[in-house]
């Protein structure tokens, strides 16, 4: 879990903590400039060099 003082109403839950089926799907790829060399984002999701813009 993480919080950001700039956005106090927002809480981010790490998906690795959930041990049941996850119906949500990714909405963006973040930190793409530091991704592993074997990573290939080949879908239509937006890519961000830093944190994803706040929705």
PDB file of N, CA and C in Angstrom:
ATOM      1  N   UNK A   1       0.845  -1.165   0.000  1.00  0.00           N
ATOM      2  CA  UNK A   1       0.000   0.000   0.000  1.00  0.00           C
ATOM      3  C   UNK A   1       0.891   1.229   0.000  1.00  0.00           C
ATOM      4  N   UNK A   2       0.447   2.264  -0.675  1.00  0.00           N
ATOM      5  CA  UNK A   2       1.180   3.526  -0.626  1.00  0.00           C
ATOM      6  C   UNK A   2       0.203   4.689  -0.633  1.00  0.00           C
ATOM      7  N   UNK A   3       0.658   5.786  -0.073  1.00  0.00           N
ATOM      8  CA  UNK A   3      -0.120   7.020  -0.058  1.00  0.00           C
ATOM      9  C   UNK A   3       0.789   8.141  -0.536  1.00  0.00           C
ATOM     10  N   UNK A   4       0.176   9.233  -0.952  1.00  0.00           N
ATOM     11  CA  UNK A   4       0.914  10.391  -1.402  1.00  0.00           C
ATOM     12  C   UNK A   4       0.280  11.608  -0.747  1.00  0.00           C
ATOM     13  N   UNK A   5       1.079  12.381  -0.027  1.00  0.00           N
ATOM     14  CA  UNK A   5       0.543  13.557   0.676  1.00  0.00           C
ATOM     15  C   UNK A   5      -0.122  14.534  -0.282  1.00  0.00           C
ATOM     16  N   UNK A   6       0.332  14.550  -1.525  1.00  0.00           N
ATOM     17  CA  UNK A   6      -0.237  15.448  -2.521  1.00  0.00           C
ATOM     18  C   UNK A   6      -1.666  15.034  -2.895  1.00  0.00           C
ATOM     19  N   UNK A   7      -1.972  13.738  -2.766  1.00  0.00           N
ATOM     20  CA  UNK A   7      -3.297  13.202  -3.091  1.00  0.00           C
ATOM     21  C   UNK A   7      -3.799  12.370  -1.911  1.00  0.00           C
ATOM     22  N   UNK A   8      -4.215  13.013  -0.820  1.00  0.00           N
ATOM     23  CA  UNK A   8      -4.568  12.291   0.407  1.00  0.00           C
ATOM     24  C   UNK A   8      -5.767  11.355   0.271  1.00  0.00           C
ATOM     25  N   UNK A   9      -6.616  11.563  -0.721  1.00  0.00           N
ATOM     26  CA  UNK A   9      -7.784  10.695  -0.898  1.00  0.00           C
ATOM     27  C   UNK A   9      -7.461   9.442  -1.700  1.00  0.00           C
ATOM     28  N   UNK A  10      -6.239   9.317  -2.160  1.00  0.00           N
ATOM     29  CA  UNK A  10      -5.867   8.188  -3.009  1.00  0.00           C
ATOM     30  C   UNK A  10      -4.997   7.200  -2.237  1.00  0.00           C
ATOM     31  N   UNK A  11      -5.348   5.931  -2.314  1.00  0.00           N
ATOM     32  CA  UNK A  11      -4.553   4.857  -1.720  1.00  0.00           C
ATOM     33  C   UNK A  11      -4.271   3.851  -2.824  1.00  0.00           C
ATOM     34  N   UNK A  12      -3.019   3.434  -2.956  1.00  0.00           N
ATOM     35  CA  UNK A  12      -2.652   2.453  -3.972  1.00  0.00           C
ATOM     36  C   UNK A  12      -2.335   1.132  -3.284  1.00  0.00           C
ATOM     37  N   UNK A  13      -2.982   0.101  -3.753  1.00  0.00           N
ATOM     38  CA  UNK A  13      -2.778  -1.238  -3.211  1.00  0.00           C
ATOM     39  C   UNK A  13      -1.896  -2.018  -4.174  1.00  0.00           C
ATOM     40  N   UNK A  14      -0.869  -2.643  -3.670  1.00  0.00           N
ATOM     41  CA  UNK A  14       0.009  -3.471  -4.495  1.00  0.00           C
ATOM     42  C   UNK A  14      -0.724  -4.752  -4.854  1.00  0.00           C
ATOM     43  N   UNK A  15      -0.802  -5.060  -6.134  1.00  0.00           N
ATOM     44  CA  UNK A  15      -1.553  -6.231  -6.581  1.00  0.00           C
ATOM     45  C   UNK A  15      -0.992  -7.535  -6.028  1.00  0.00           C
ATOM     46  N   UNK A  16       0.277  -7.569  -5.687  1.00  0.00           N
ATOM     47  CA  UNK A  16       0.861  -8.773  -5.114  1.00  0.00           C
ATOM     48  C   UNK A  16       0.263  -9.145  -3.767  1.00  0.00           C
ATOM     49  N   UNK A  17      -0.429  -8.231  -3.122  1.00  0.00           N
ATOM     50  CA  UNK A  17      -1.070  -8.505  -1.832  1.00  0.00           C
ATOM     51  C   UNK A  17      -2.394  -9.237  -1.975  1.00  0.00           C
ATOM     52  N   UNK A  18      -2.966  -9.226  -3.166  1.00  0.00           N
ATOM     53  CA  UNK A  18      -4.292  -9.806  -3.379  1.00  0.00           C
ATOM     54  C   UNK A  18      -4.151 -11.272  -3.758  1.00  0.00           C
ATOM     55  N   UNK A  19      -4.844 -12.139  -3.034  1.00  0.00           N
ATOM     56  CA  UNK A  19      -4.717 -13.579  -3.297  1.00  0.00           C
ATOM     57  C   UNK A  19      -5.972 -14.176  -3.931  1.00  0.00           C
ATOM     58  N   UNK A  20      -6.765 -13.349  -4.571  1.00  0.00           N
ATOM     59  CA  UNK A  20      -7.951 -13.835  -5.283  1.00  0.00           C
ATOM     60  C   UNK A  20      -7.907 -13.310  -6.720  1.00  0.00           C
ATOM     61  N   UNK A  21      -8.883 -13.698  -7.515  1.00  0.00           N
ATOM     62  CA  UNK A  21      -8.935 -13.271  -8.912  1.00  0.00           C
ATOM     63  C   UNK A  21      -9.000 -11.741  -9.002  1.00  0.00           C
ATOM     64  N   UNK A  22      -8.255 -11.179  -9.930  1.00  0.00           N
ATOM     65  CA  UNK A  22      -8.228  -9.732 -10.128  1.00  0.00           C
ATOM     66  C   UNK A  22      -8.908  -9.431 -11.460  1.00  0.00           C
ATOM     67  N   UNK A  23     -10.011  -8.718 -11.415  1.00  0.00           N
ATOM     68  CA  UNK A  23     -10.744  -8.423 -12.645  1.00  0.00           C
ATOM     69  C   UNK A  23     -10.255  -7.147 -13.330  1.00  0.00           C
ATOM     70  N   UNK A  24      -9.575  -6.279 -12.597  1.00  0.00           N
ATOM     71  CA  UNK A  24      -9.070  -5.050 -13.183  1.00  0.00           C
ATOM     72  C   UNK A  24      -7.923  -5.360 -14.134  1.00  0.00           C
ATOM     73  N   UNK A  25      -7.734  -4.496 -15.095  1.00  0.00           N
ATOM     74  CA  UNK A  25      -6.658  -4.635 -16.067  1.00  0.00           C
ATOM     75  C   UNK A  25      -5.790  -3.384 -16.030  1.00  0.00           C
ATOM     76  N   UNK A  26      -4.538  -3.486 -16.464  1.00  0.00           N
ATOM     77  CA  UNK A  26      -3.664  -2.309 -16.478  1.00  0.00           C
ATOM     78  C   UNK A  26      -4.269  -1.174 -17.301  1.00  0.00           C
ATOM     79  N   UNK A  27      -3.976   0.061 -16.886  1.00  0.00           N
ATOM     80  CA  UNK A  27      -4.457   1.236 -17.604  1.00  0.00           C
ATOM     81  C   UNK A  27      -3.324   2.008 -18.256  1.00  0.00           C
ATOM     82  N   UNK A  28      -2.075   1.718 -17.846  1.00  0.00           N
ATOM     83  CA  UNK A  28      -0.922   2.416 -18.412  1.00  0.00           C
ATOM     84  C   UNK A  28       0.346   1.665 -18.025  1.00  0.00           C
ATOM     85  N   UNK A  29       1.419   1.949 -18.739  1.00  0.00           N
ATOM     86  CA  UNK A  29       2.757   1.469 -18.386  1.00  0.00           C
ATOM     87  C   UNK A  29       3.517   2.683 -17.858  1.00  0.00           C
ATOM     88  N   UNK A  30       4.111   2.556 -16.668  1.00  0.00           N
ATOM     89  CA  UNK A  30       4.841   3.682 -16.096  1.00  0.00           C
ATOM     90  C   UNK A  30       6.322   3.347 -15.995  1.00  0.00           C
ATOM     91  N   UNK A  31       7.145   4.384 -15.932  1.00  0.00           N
ATOM     92  CA  UNK A  31       8.607   4.273 -15.852  1.00  0.00           C
ATOM     93  C   UNK A  31       9.173   3.463 -17.017  1.00  0.00           C
ATOM     94  N   UNK A  32       8.654   3.689 -18.218  1.00  0.00           N
ATOM     95  CA  UNK A  32       9.079   2.885 -19.366  1.00  0.00           C
ATOM     96  C   UNK A  32      10.527   3.129 -19.757  1.00  0.00           C
ATOM     97  N   UNK A  33      11.102   4.268 -19.395  1.00  0.00           N
ATOM     98  CA  UNK A  33      12.501   4.518 -19.752  1.00  0.00           C
ATOM     99  C   UNK A  33      13.459   3.668 -18.926  1.00  0.00           C
ATOM    100  N   UNK A  34      12.989   3.105 -17.814  1.00  0.00           N
ATOM    101  CA  UNK A  34      13.859   2.256 -17.000  1.00  0.00           C
ATOM    102  C   UNK A  34      13.385   0.806 -16.977  1.00  0.00           C
ATOM    103  N   UNK A  35      12.579   0.423 -17.968  1.00  0.00           N
ATOM    104  CA  UNK A  35      12.093  -0.962 -18.009  1.00  0.00           C
ATOM    105  C   UNK A  35      13.223  -1.918 -18.378  1.00  0.00           C
ATOM    106  N   UNK A  36      13.048  -3.170 -18.053  1.00  0.00           N
ATOM    107  CA  UNK A  36      14.033  -4.200 -18.381  1.00  0.00           C
ATOM    108  C   UNK A  36      14.186  -4.312 -19.897  1.00  0.00           C
ATOM    109  N   UNK A  37      15.364  -4.688 -20.347  1.00  0.00           N
ATOM    110  CA  UNK A  37      15.624  -4.783 -21.786  1.00  0.00           C
ATOM    111  C   UNK A  37      14.739  -5.815 -22.464  1.00  0.00           C
ATOM    112  N   UNK A  38      14.269  -6.817 -21.711  1.00  0.00           N
ATOM    113  CA  UNK A  38      13.418  -7.854 -22.305  1.00  0.00           C
ATOM    114  C   UNK A  38      11.945  -7.471 -22.315  1.00  0.00           C
ATOM    115  N   UNK A  39      11.590  -6.384 -21.646  1.00  0.00           N
ATOM    116  CA  UNK A  39      10.186  -5.953 -21.607  1.00  0.00           C
ATOM    117  C   UNK A  39       9.797  -5.319 -22.937  1.00  0.00           C
ATOM    118  N   UNK A  40       8.654  -5.708 -23.453  1.00  0.00           N
ATOM    119  CA  UNK A  40       8.178  -5.176 -24.719  1.00  0.00           C
ATOM    120  C   UNK A  40       6.709  -4.791 -24.563  1.00  0.00           C
ATOM    121  N   UNK A  41       6.449  -3.521 -24.366  1.00  0.00           N
ATOM    122  CA  UNK A  41       5.067  -3.044 -24.222  1.00  0.00           C
ATOM    123  C   UNK A  41       4.447  -2.962 -25.609  1.00  0.00           C
ATOM    124  N   UNK A  42       3.795  -4.013 -25.985  1.00  0.00           N
ATOM    125  CA  UNK A  42       3.264  -4.070 -27.356  1.00  0.00           C
ATOM    126  C   UNK A  42       1.741  -4.039 -27.363  1.00  0.00           C
ATOM    127  N   UNK A  43       1.160  -3.246 -26.496  1.00  0.00           N
ATOM    128  CA  UNK A  43      -0.296  -3.107 -26.485  1.00  0.00           C
ATOM    129  C   UNK A  43      -0.644  -1.639 -26.731  1.00  0.00           C
ATOM    130  N   UNK A  44      -1.887  -1.308 -26.611  1.00  0.00           N
ATOM    131  CA  UNK A  44      -2.337   0.053 -26.899  1.00  0.00           C
ATOM    132  C   UNK A  44      -2.425   0.938 -25.658  1.00  0.00           C
ATOM    133  N   UNK A  45      -1.872   0.482 -24.541  1.00  0.00           N
ATOM    134  CA  UNK A  45      -1.925   1.285 -23.319  1.00  0.00           C
ATOM    135  C   UNK A  45      -0.960   2.461 -23.412  1.00  0.00           C
ATOM    136  N   UNK A  46      -1.298   3.589 -22.783  1.00  0.00           N
ATOM    137  CA  UNK A  46      -0.372   4.722 -22.781  1.00  0.00           C
ATOM    138  C   UNK A  46       0.889   4.385 -21.993  1.00  0.00           C
ATOM    139  N   UNK A  47       2.009   4.970 -22.411  1.00  0.00           N
ATOM    140  CA  UNK A  47       3.295   4.778 -21.735  1.00  0.00           C
ATOM    141  C   UNK A  47       3.746   6.107 -21.144  1.00  0.00           C
ATOM    142  N   UNK A  48       4.264   6.056 -19.913  1.00  0.00           N
ATOM    143  CA  UNK A  48       4.712   7.264 -19.216  1.00  0.00           C
ATOM    144  C   UNK A  48       6.146   7.058 -18.759  1.00  0.00           C
ATOM    145  N   UNK A  49       6.971   8.096 -18.895  1.00  0.00           N
ATOM    146  CA  UNK A  49       8.353   8.014 -18.432  1.00  0.00           C
ATOM    147  C   UNK A  49       8.446   8.090 -16.917  1.00  0.00           C
ATOM    148  N   UNK A  50       7.475   8.725 -16.294  1.00  0.00           N
ATOM    149  CA  UNK A  50       7.434   8.866 -14.836  1.00  0.00           C
ATOM    150  C   UNK A  50       6.075   8.373 -14.364  1.00  0.00           C
ATOM    151  N   UNK A  51       5.645   8.840 -13.217  1.00  0.00           N
ATOM    152  CA  UNK A  51       4.335   8.422 -12.714  1.00  0.00           C
ATOM    153  C   UNK A  51       3.244   8.761 -13.716  1.00  0.00           C
ATOM    154  N   UNK A  52       2.241   7.922 -13.763  1.00  0.00           N
ATOM    155  CA  UNK A  52       1.088   8.155 -14.631  1.00  0.00           C
ATOM    156  C   UNK A  52       0.364   9.419 -14.178  1.00  0.00           C
ATOM    157  N   UNK A  53      -0.134  10.219 -15.110  1.00  0.00           N
ATOM    158  CA  UNK A  53      -0.898  11.414 -14.709  1.00  0.00           C
ATOM    159  C   UNK A  53      -2.102  11.017 -13.851  1.00  0.00           C
ATOM    160  N   UNK A  54      -2.446  11.852 -12.918  1.00  0.00           N
ATOM    161  CA  UNK A  54      -3.573  11.571 -12.026  1.00  0.00           C
ATOM    162  C   UNK A  54      -4.861  11.597 -12.833  1.00  0.00           C
ATOM    163  N   UNK A  55      -5.675  10.567 -12.629  1.00  0.00           N
ATOM    164  CA  UNK A  55      -6.961  10.485 -13.339  1.00  0.00           C
ATOM    165  C   UNK A  55      -8.012  11.257 -12.604  1.00  0.00           C
TER     166      UNK A  55
END
